[in-house]
Amino acid sequence: MSKLKEKLRTEDWVTVWMSIPLLLVALLIPELIPSVPSTLTTWAAWGQIGILFVIVFVVLYVGQAIMGRKLRGMLPSLIVIFALSLIAQLIAKIPSVKYYGLESVFFSVILGLLIRNLFKIPEWMKPAIQGEFFIKIGVVCLGATILFSEVMKSGIFGLIQAVLVVASVWFFAFWISRKFGVDEKSGMILSSGVSICGVSACITAARVAGGEDKKLSYIVSVLLIVVVAMIYLMPWLANMILPLLIEDTQLMQEVAGAWIGSTVDTTSGVAASSAIHSEIANQSAIIIKAAQNVLIGVVAFFIAIYISAKSGKGASQRPSIGIVWEKFPKFIIGFVLASLIFSIFQANGLFTSDSKGKLLEPGVAKNFSNLFFSLAFVCIGLGTRLKEIISRENRRILWSFLCAQGFNIIVTFVIAYLLFGVVKPMFA
């Protein structure tokens, strides 16, 4: 019994336990949970920030207490880290910044890097630097935003495209990254980001594979910078190539949306890029992207099985189910269960919509996920030196990413054109 209690107090399990009340709050009282405001010019906005800070502090303090870690000095340390993450989130909410798909984690890393490389981090600031803990909480909350119904919206053709694109691009990206000499775990992170949905996929894969946070932050930064170029590149390519192949304007726009939805690596970037092309492309792209996002859990599960089995191999025996289970990242179970439960709630019409027609409950879970991811990347930035970013290994990651993205553009074009431009019209 004592061994079981110890296992349930490991960080993987504790992050699941600490995510449960967050998700219950999202399900039961979503209207009472604020999001990060766009400005801090009113007392109401500061009140929202205060509520979010209390939530983070309770989760961190209780979680660290369960694991038996040091609690002294947690409050002043968290105040600084929370403030930095707040600044990053406020920057990301600026309309022009949001348009380009530059998420708060990018600015969180930048702020952390600046402090780490310009100043010496004092001891009192270190207790709340718990990047691993914050990321795993964010991953579990992310699961609640992955709704199975989104797959059904895209229909059978959208689902087929999502599976084909993710599978082909993931394996190519992993292969090319290994050819460039990128380590296996970083290759998995890179492959997941290029093939699925950018930042969220990178973060989830990193926690499953056990990749270095320094390389995770670099891959995420490269991804978000490339997204800015992709926003303009993809509608330009669609307008240049598709009219040569498709005469029907509406059909051409649908193919363009399917192409853009599977190549631009952030959801906000997909929305911006497809909107530049046309309204029909915008609708098609967002649905395709949502279907692709659902595959985060599937890819994470198979990475976890692979890593668990590989780490359990002995000199003369195959890994047993018990060894694989022992090595399996338990927070992924929380991710999957959150996705399943929230999907069931939505399927039964138990969610409420806001004034814009968006679902409140998954929206609160998404806000929690973004908040904890932002905190985590501040911590990652605070632990990274700039010289590590320009290392030879990271240059290999850059070239691998660019090659994988080039392959993504080509193979997704072929799949989108065949499925939505050739096969689907036959069944119309």
Protein backbone atom coordinates (compact mmCIF):
# COMPACT_ATOMS: atom_id res chain seq x y z
CA MET A 1 0.00 0.00 0.00
CA SER A 2 2.83 2.41 0.86
CA LYS A 3 4.46 1.74 -2.53
CA LEU A 4 1.17 2.51 -4.25
CA LYS A 5 0.84 5.79 -2.35
CA GLU A 6 4.37 6.76 -3.39
CA LYS A 7 3.61 6.03 -7.04
CA LEU A 8 0.46 8.13 -6.87
CA ARG A 9 2.52 11.03 -5.51
CA THR A 10 4.84 11.19 -8.53
CA GLU A 11 4.61 14.32 -10.69
CA ASP A 12 2.79 12.54 -13.54
CA TRP A 13 -0.05 11.47 -11.25
CA VAL A 14 -0.11 14.64 -9.16
CA THR A 15 -0.59 16.78 -12.28
CA VAL A 16 -3.64 14.64 -13.09
CA TRP A 17 -5.02 15.06 -9.54
CA MET A 18 -4.47 18.83 -9.67
CA SER A 19 -6.11 19.09 -13.10
CA ILE A 20 -9.33 17.44 -11.93
CA PRO A 21 -10.60 20.43 -9.89
CA LEU A 22 -9.67 22.77 -12.74
CA LEU A 23 -11.74 20.73 -15.20
CA LEU A 24 -14.61 20.38 -12.71
CA VAL A 25 -14.66 24.15 -12.35
CA ALA A 26 -14.72 24.45 -16.15
CA LEU A 27 -17.68 22.05 -16.31
CA LEU A 28 -19.71 23.34 -13.37
CA ILE A 29 -19.15 27.09 -13.11
CA PRO A 30 -17.50 28.23 -16.37
CA GLU A 31 -19.20 31.62 -16.27
CA LEU A 32 -17.45 32.46 -12.98
CA ILE A 33 -13.92 31.77 -14.22
CA PRO A 34 -12.28 34.77 -15.91
CA SER A 35 -9.79 34.74 -18.75
CA VAL A 36 -6.74 36.97 -19.02
CA PRO A 37 -8.07 40.42 -19.97
CA SER A 38 -6.75 42.32 -22.99
CA THR A 39 -5.83 45.35 -20.88
CA LEU A 40 -5.31 46.17 -17.22
CA THR A 41 -6.92 49.59 -17.23
CA THR A 42 -9.85 48.72 -14.94
CA TRP A 43 -10.24 47.36 -11.43
CA ALA A 44 -12.38 44.55 -12.86
CA ALA A 45 -9.46 43.44 -15.00
CA TRP A 46 -7.17 43.36 -11.97
CA GLY A 47 -9.83 41.36 -10.13
CA GLN A 48 -9.75 38.78 -12.93
CA ILE A 49 -5.98 38.58 -12.67
CA GLY A 50 -6.26 38.13 -8.91
CA ILE A 51 -8.64 35.17 -9.29
CA LEU A 52 -6.35 33.49 -11.84
CA PHE A 53 -3.30 34.02 -9.62
CA VAL A 54 -5.06 32.43 -6.64
CA ILE A 55 -6.00 29.42 -8.78
CA VAL A 56 -2.41 28.97 -9.98
CA PHE A 57 -0.99 29.43 -6.49
CA VAL A 58 -3.34 26.85 -4.94
CA VAL A 59 -2.62 24.32 -7.71
CA LEU A 60 1.14 24.82 -7.41
CA TYR A 61 1.25 24.88 -3.61
CA VAL A 62 -0.97 21.84 -3.07
CA GLY A 63 0.73 19.91 -5.88
CA GLN A 64 4.21 20.55 -4.50
CA ALA A 65 3.02 19.67 -0.98
CA ILE A 66 1.66 16.31 -2.16
CA MET A 67 5.02 15.55 -3.77
CA GLY A 68 6.86 16.57 -0.61
CA ARG A 69 8.78 19.39 -2.24
CA LYS A 70 10.02 22.64 -0.73
CA LEU A 71 7.23 25.18 -0.16
CA ARG A 72 9.10 28.01 1.50
CA GLY A 73 9.35 31.14 -0.64
CA MET A 74 6.76 29.92 -3.14
CA LEU A 75 4.58 33.06 -3.06
CA PRO A 76 7.13 35.78 -3.97
CA SER A 77 8.68 33.51 -6.59
CA LEU A 78 5.32 32.79 -8.23
CA ILE A 79 4.37 36.48 -8.24
CA VAL A 80 7.33 37.25 -10.52
CA ILE A 81 6.81 34.26 -12.82
CA PHE A 82 3.07 34.91 -13.02
CA ALA A 83 3.73 38.58 -13.83
CA LEU A 84 6.06 37.63 -16.68
CA SER A 85 3.54 35.16 -18.08
CA LEU A 86 0.82 37.81 -17.78
CA ILE A 87 2.88 40.27 -19.81
CA ALA A 88 3.42 37.57 -22.46
CA GLN A 89 -0.31 36.83 -22.63
CA LEU A 90 -1.19 40.52 -22.88
CA ILE A 91 1.25 40.93 -25.78
CA ALA A 92 -0.26 37.89 -27.52
CA LYS A 93 -3.75 39.46 -27.20
CA ILE A 94 -2.76 42.56 -29.19
CA PRO A 95 -4.89 42.24 -32.37
CA SER A 96 -2.00 42.59 -34.82
CA VAL A 97 0.05 40.03 -32.89
CA LYS A 98 -2.87 37.63 -32.56
CA TYR A 99 -3.50 37.87 -36.31
CA TYR A 100 -0.08 36.39 -37.05
CA GLY A 101 -0.60 33.43 -34.72
CA LEU A 102 2.23 34.35 -32.34
CA GLU A 103 1.05 32.68 -29.16
CA SER A 104 1.84 33.68 -25.58
CA VAL A 105 4.38 30.87 -25.14
CA PHE A 106 6.66 32.59 -27.68
CA PHE A 107 6.74 35.81 -25.69
CA SER A 108 7.02 33.85 -22.42
CA VAL A 109 10.24 32.27 -23.66
CA ILE A 110 11.58 35.63 -24.85
CA LEU A 111 10.93 37.31 -21.48
CA GLY A 112 12.46 34.38 -19.59
CA LEU A 113 15.51 34.40 -21.87
CA LEU A 114 16.06 38.13 -21.42
CA ILE A 115 16.05 37.85 -17.64
CA ARG A 116 18.20 34.70 -17.62
CA ASN A 117 20.85 36.20 -19.89
CA LEU A 118 20.89 39.79 -18.63
CA PHE A 119 20.67 39.16 -14.90
CA LYS A 120 21.57 36.53 -12.36
CA ILE A 121 18.48 34.73 -11.10
CA PRO A 122 18.34 35.12 -7.30
CA GLU A 123 17.67 32.13 -5.06
CA TRP A 124 14.34 33.52 -3.81
CA MET A 125 12.99 33.43 -7.37
CA LYS A 126 13.66 29.71 -7.91
CA PRO A 127 10.97 27.86 -5.87
CA ALA A 128 8.19 28.48 -8.41
CA ILE A 129 10.31 27.67 -11.46
CA GLN A 130 8.47 24.40 -12.07
CA GLY A 131 8.23 24.20 -15.85
CA GLU A 132 7.62 20.45 -15.98
CA PHE A 133 4.75 20.67 -13.50
CA PHE A 134 3.09 23.59 -15.30
CA ILE A 135 3.36 21.94 -18.73
CA LYS A 136 1.77 18.67 -17.60
CA ILE A 137 -1.16 20.54 -16.04
CA GLY A 138 -1.55 22.43 -19.32
CA VAL A 139 -1.50 19.20 -21.35
CA VAL A 140 -4.26 17.59 -19.26
CA CYS A 141 -6.42 20.73 -19.58
CA LEU A 142 -5.68 20.77 -23.32
CA GLY A 143 -7.37 17.37 -23.58
CA ALA A 144 -10.69 18.97 -22.65
CA THR A 145 -10.49 21.13 -25.78
CA ILE A 146 -10.06 18.16 -28.13
CA LEU A 147 -13.66 17.26 -28.96
CA PHE A 148 -14.48 14.24 -31.10
CA SER A 149 -17.41 16.05 -32.70
CA GLU A 150 -14.93 18.32 -34.49
CA VAL A 151 -13.79 15.32 -36.51
CA MET A 152 -17.34 14.59 -37.62
CA LYS A 153 -17.80 18.14 -38.90
CA SER A 154 -15.12 17.55 -41.51
CA GLY A 155 -16.82 14.41 -42.77
CA ILE A 156 -15.11 11.28 -44.02
CA PHE A 157 -12.90 13.18 -46.47
CA GLY A 158 -11.64 15.56 -43.80
CA LEU A 159 -10.89 12.65 -41.49
CA ILE A 160 -9.06 10.75 -44.24
CA GLN A 161 -7.01 13.83 -45.06
CA ALA A 162 -6.14 14.41 -41.40
CA VAL A 163 -4.91 10.84 -40.96
CA LEU A 164 -2.97 10.77 -44.26
CA VAL A 165 -1.33 14.15 -43.72
CA VAL A 166 -0.38 13.54 -40.10
CA ALA A 167 1.01 10.07 -40.81
CA SER A 168 3.01 10.96 -43.94
CA VAL A 169 4.34 14.31 -42.68
CA TRP A 170 5.17 12.96 -39.20
CA PHE A 171 7.26 10.07 -40.51
CA PHE A 172 8.99 12.20 -43.15
CA ALA A 173 9.80 14.92 -40.62
CA PHE A 174 11.16 12.35 -38.18
CA TRP A 175 13.22 10.69 -40.93
CA ILE A 176 14.70 13.95 -42.23
CA SER A 177 15.49 15.21 -38.73
CA ARG A 178 17.40 12.01 -37.98
CA LYS A 179 19.26 12.39 -41.32
CA PHE A 180 20.33 15.86 -40.20
CA GLY A 181 21.61 14.39 -36.94
CA VAL A 182 18.84 15.67 -34.67
CA ASP A 183 18.36 13.53 -31.56
CA GLU A 184 15.41 11.16 -31.48
CA LYS A 185 13.33 13.00 -28.88
CA SER A 186 13.74 16.40 -30.53
CA GLY A 187 12.84 14.76 -33.83
CA MET A 188 9.58 13.54 -32.31
CA ILE A 189 8.76 17.01 -31.01
CA LEU A 190 9.52 18.61 -34.37
CA SER A 191 7.55 15.97 -36.29
CA SER A 192 4.48 16.41 -34.09
CA GLY A 193 4.54 20.18 -34.44
CA VAL A 194 4.85 20.16 -38.24
CA SER A 195 2.32 17.40 -38.84
CA ILE A 196 -0.48 18.19 -36.38
CA CYS A 197 -1.12 21.60 -34.92
CA GLY A 198 2.00 23.41 -33.87
CA VAL A 199 2.59 24.51 -30.30
CA SER A 200 0.15 22.20 -28.50
CA ALA A 201 1.43 19.15 -30.36
CA CYS A 202 5.06 20.12 -29.68
CA ILE A 203 4.44 20.55 -25.97
CA THR A 204 2.49 17.31 -25.63
CA ALA A 205 5.09 15.32 -27.59
CA ALA A 206 7.92 16.85 -25.55
CA ARG A 207 6.41 15.79 -22.26
CA VAL A 208 5.72 12.29 -23.57
CA ALA A 209 9.09 11.78 -25.24
CA GLY A 210 11.02 13.51 -22.46
CA GLY A 211 12.80 15.97 -24.74
CA GLU A 212 14.90 18.84 -23.42
CA ASP A 213 12.98 22.01 -22.61
CA LYS A 214 15.67 24.14 -24.29
CA LYS A 215 15.07 22.38 -27.59
CA LEU A 216 11.32 22.48 -27.12
CA SER A 217 11.41 26.25 -26.74
CA TYR A 218 13.59 26.56 -29.84
CA ILE A 219 11.31 24.36 -31.95
CA VAL A 220 8.23 26.28 -30.80
CA SER A 221 9.93 29.60 -31.59
CA VAL A 222 10.92 28.46 -35.09
CA LEU A 223 7.42 27.12 -35.70
CA LEU A 224 5.72 30.37 -34.69
CA ILE A 225 8.08 32.47 -36.81
CA VAL A 226 7.53 30.25 -39.86
CA VAL A 227 3.76 30.55 -39.33
CA VAL A 228 3.96 34.28 -40.08
CA ALA A 229 5.44 33.55 -43.52
CA MET A 230 2.99 30.69 -44.12
CA ILE A 231 -0.03 32.95 -43.52
CA TYR A 232 0.79 34.84 -46.72
CA LEU A 233 2.55 32.10 -48.67
CA MET A 234 -0.33 29.59 -48.65
CA PRO A 235 -3.15 31.79 -50.10
CA TRP A 236 -0.67 33.07 -52.70
CA LEU A 237 0.22 29.50 -53.74
CA ALA A 238 -3.46 28.50 -53.77
CA ASN A 239 -4.39 31.44 -56.01
CA MET A 240 -1.48 30.69 -58.33
CA ILE A 241 -1.83 26.89 -58.69
CA LEU A 242 -5.44 25.85 -58.13
CA PRO A 243 -7.06 27.92 -60.94
CA LEU A 244 -4.87 25.96 -63.36
CA LEU A 245 -6.43 22.68 -62.19
CA ILE A 246 -10.00 23.50 -61.09
CA GLU A 247 -12.57 25.56 -63.00
CA ASP A 248 -15.36 25.54 -60.41
CA THR A 249 -14.72 28.53 -58.12
CA GLN A 250 -16.43 27.11 -55.05
CA LEU A 251 -14.65 23.77 -55.41
CA MET A 252 -11.33 25.55 -55.84
CA GLN A 253 -11.90 27.51 -52.63
CA GLU A 254 -12.76 24.35 -50.71
CA VAL A 255 -9.56 22.66 -51.88
CA ALA A 256 -7.61 25.78 -50.93
CA GLY A 257 -9.10 25.65 -47.44
CA ALA A 258 -8.23 21.97 -47.06
CA TRP A 259 -4.67 22.71 -48.19
CA ILE A 260 -4.21 25.69 -45.89
CA GLY A 261 -5.86 23.95 -42.93
CA SER A 262 -3.30 21.15 -42.93
CA THR A 263 -0.14 23.18 -43.61
CA VAL A 264 -0.29 26.30 -41.41
CA ASP A 265 0.80 25.17 -37.95
CA THR A 266 -1.43 27.17 -35.61
CA THR A 267 -5.22 27.44 -35.50
CA SER A 268 -5.13 31.24 -35.44
CA GLY A 269 -2.68 31.19 -38.35
CA VAL A 270 -5.02 28.90 -40.30
CA ALA A 271 -7.92 31.29 -39.68
CA ALA A 272 -5.90 34.32 -40.81
CA SER A 273 -4.39 32.65 -43.89
CA SER A 274 -7.61 31.09 -45.17
CA ALA A 275 -9.53 34.34 -44.59
CA ILE A 276 -7.10 36.06 -46.97
CA HIS A 277 -8.11 33.57 -49.66
CA SER A 278 -11.92 33.44 -49.32
CA GLU A 279 -14.82 32.83 -46.96
CA ILE A 280 -15.38 29.29 -48.21
CA ALA A 281 -11.69 28.50 -47.80
CA ASN A 282 -11.83 29.90 -44.29
CA GLN A 283 -14.73 27.64 -43.28
CA SER A 284 -13.11 24.57 -44.85
CA ALA A 285 -9.66 25.25 -43.34
CA ILE A 286 -10.87 25.69 -39.77
CA ILE A 287 -12.87 22.45 -39.88
CA ILE A 288 -9.92 20.53 -41.35
CA LYS A 289 -7.59 21.96 -38.71
CA ALA A 290 -9.96 20.94 -35.92
CA ALA A 291 -10.05 17.37 -37.25
CA GLN A 292 -6.26 17.29 -37.36
CA ASN A 293 -5.97 18.63 -33.80
CA VAL A 294 -7.86 15.61 -32.47
CA LEU A 295 -4.93 13.43 -33.53
CA ILE A 296 -2.67 14.99 -30.87
CA GLY A 297 -3.79 12.36 -28.40
CA VAL A 298 -3.36 9.51 -30.89
CA VAL A 299 0.20 10.51 -31.80
CA ALA A 300 1.08 11.15 -28.15
CA PHE A 301 -0.22 7.71 -27.20
CA PHE A 302 1.92 5.91 -29.79
CA ILE A 303 5.00 7.97 -28.88
CA ALA A 304 4.42 7.03 -25.24
CA ILE A 305 4.11 3.34 -26.08
CA TYR A 306 7.30 3.48 -28.17
CA ILE A 307 9.32 5.36 -25.57
CA SER A 308 8.01 3.20 -22.72
CA ALA A 309 8.80 -0.03 -24.52
CA LYS A 310 12.23 1.17 -25.60
CA SER A 311 13.23 2.40 -22.14
CA GLY A 312 12.11 -0.91 -20.66
CA LYS A 313 14.25 -3.12 -22.85
CA GLY A 314 16.66 -5.31 -21.01
CA ALA A 315 19.75 -6.95 -22.36
CA SER A 316 18.11 -10.26 -23.13
CA GLN A 317 14.36 -9.81 -22.81
CA ARG A 318 11.52 -7.94 -24.39
CA PRO A 319 9.75 -5.30 -22.31
CA SER A 320 6.72 -6.61 -20.42
CA ILE A 321 3.35 -4.85 -20.22
CA GLY A 322 4.19 -4.03 -16.60
CA ILE A 323 7.41 -2.27 -17.55
CA VAL A 324 5.69 -0.35 -20.34
CA TRP A 325 2.97 0.75 -17.89
CA GLU A 326 5.57 1.83 -15.35
CA LYS A 327 7.34 4.02 -17.91
CA PHE A 328 4.15 5.29 -19.56
CA PRO A 329 3.54 9.04 -18.88
CA LYS A 330 0.41 8.97 -16.69
CA PHE A 331 -0.63 12.56 -17.43
CA ILE A 332 -1.48 11.40 -20.97
CA ILE A 333 -4.21 9.27 -19.36
CA GLY A 334 -5.58 12.49 -17.89
CA PHE A 335 -5.40 14.13 -21.33
CA VAL A 336 -7.36 11.29 -22.96
CA LEU A 337 -9.98 11.10 -20.18
CA ALA A 338 -10.51 14.86 -20.29
CA SER A 339 -11.07 14.67 -24.04
CA LEU A 340 -13.48 11.75 -23.65
CA ILE A 341 -15.53 13.30 -20.83
CA PHE A 342 -15.84 16.73 -22.47
CA SER A 343 -16.74 15.08 -25.79
CA ILE A 344 -19.51 13.11 -24.08
CA PHE A 345 -20.83 16.30 -22.45
CA GLN A 346 -20.90 18.07 -25.81
CA ALA A 347 -22.55 15.12 -27.56
CA ASN A 348 -25.36 15.26 -25.01
CA GLY A 349 -25.86 19.00 -25.38
CA LEU A 350 -24.70 19.79 -21.83
CA PHE A 351 -22.46 22.70 -22.75
CA THR A 352 -23.52 26.34 -22.83
CA SER A 353 -22.64 28.91 -25.48
CA ASP A 354 -21.49 32.49 -25.03
CA SER A 355 -22.76 35.51 -26.95
CA LYS A 356 -20.49 34.60 -29.89
CA GLY A 357 -21.73 31.03 -30.07
CA LYS A 358 -18.56 29.51 -28.60
CA LEU A 359 -18.77 26.76 -25.98
CA LEU A 360 -17.98 28.08 -22.51
CA GLU A 361 -16.72 24.90 -20.83
CA PRO A 362 -14.02 23.91 -23.34
CA GLY A 363 -13.16 27.60 -23.58
CA VAL A 364 -12.36 27.77 -19.86
CA ALA A 365 -10.27 24.58 -20.16
CA LYS A 366 -8.42 26.19 -23.09
CA ASN A 367 -7.74 29.30 -21.01
CA PHE A 368 -6.34 27.15 -18.20
CA SER A 369 -4.15 25.31 -20.69
CA ASN A 370 -2.81 28.55 -22.18
CA LEU A 371 -2.19 29.98 -18.71
CA PHE A 372 -0.14 27.02 -17.51
CA PHE A 373 1.73 26.71 -20.81
CA SER A 374 2.68 30.38 -20.57
CA LEU A 375 3.94 29.88 -17.00
CA ALA A 376 5.91 26.83 -18.12
CA PHE A 377 7.64 28.65 -20.95
CA VAL A 378 8.65 31.51 -18.68
CA CYS A 379 10.36 28.84 -16.57
CA ILE A 380 11.98 27.31 -19.66
CA GLY A 381 13.29 30.70 -20.74
CA LEU A 382 14.68 31.32 -17.26
CA GLY A 383 16.68 28.11 -17.58
CA THR A 384 18.13 28.68 -21.06
CA ARG A 385 21.28 30.49 -22.17
CA LEU A 386 21.30 32.25 -25.54
CA LYS A 387 24.42 30.40 -26.66
CA GLU A 388 22.42 27.17 -26.44
CA ILE A 389 19.89 28.54 -28.94
CA ILE A 390 22.51 29.13 -31.63
CA SER A 391 24.18 25.77 -31.10
CA ARG A 392 25.01 23.44 -33.99
CA GLU A 393 22.26 21.07 -32.85
CA ASN A 394 19.63 23.80 -33.13
CA ARG A 395 20.82 24.73 -36.61
CA ARG A 396 20.17 21.10 -37.57
CA ILE A 397 16.69 21.39 -36.10
CA LEU A 398 16.06 24.53 -38.18
CA TRP A 399 16.99 22.86 -41.47
CA SER A 400 15.01 19.76 -40.55
CA PHE A 401 11.95 21.88 -39.81
CA LEU A 402 12.16 23.80 -43.07
CA CYS A 403 12.57 20.60 -45.12
CA ALA A 404 9.65 18.98 -43.31
CA GLN A 405 7.46 22.03 -43.87
CA GLY A 406 8.34 22.03 -47.57
CA PHE A 407 7.32 18.37 -47.78
CA ASN A 408 4.15 19.19 -45.84
CA ILE A 409 3.13 21.82 -48.39
CA ILE A 410 3.67 19.45 -51.33
CA VAL A 411 2.12 16.25 -49.96
CA THR A 412 -0.86 18.08 -48.45
CA PHE A 413 -1.54 19.75 -51.79
CA VAL A 414 -1.68 16.36 -53.50
CA ILE A 415 -3.94 14.84 -50.81
CA ALA A 416 -6.28 17.87 -50.62
CA TYR A 417 -6.60 18.09 -54.41
CA LEU A 418 -7.31 14.38 -54.85
CA LEU A 419 -9.79 14.13 -51.96
CA PHE A 420 -11.66 17.42 -52.28
CA GLY A 421 -11.04 18.27 -55.94
CA VAL A 422 -11.43 14.83 -57.53
CA VAL A 423 -12.98 12.19 -55.28
CA LYS A 424 -15.51 14.24 -53.28
CA PRO A 425 -17.20 15.80 -56.38
CA MET A 426 -17.88 12.25 -57.62
CA PHE A 427 -20.13 11.66 -54.62
CA ALA A 428 -21.86 15.04 -54.75
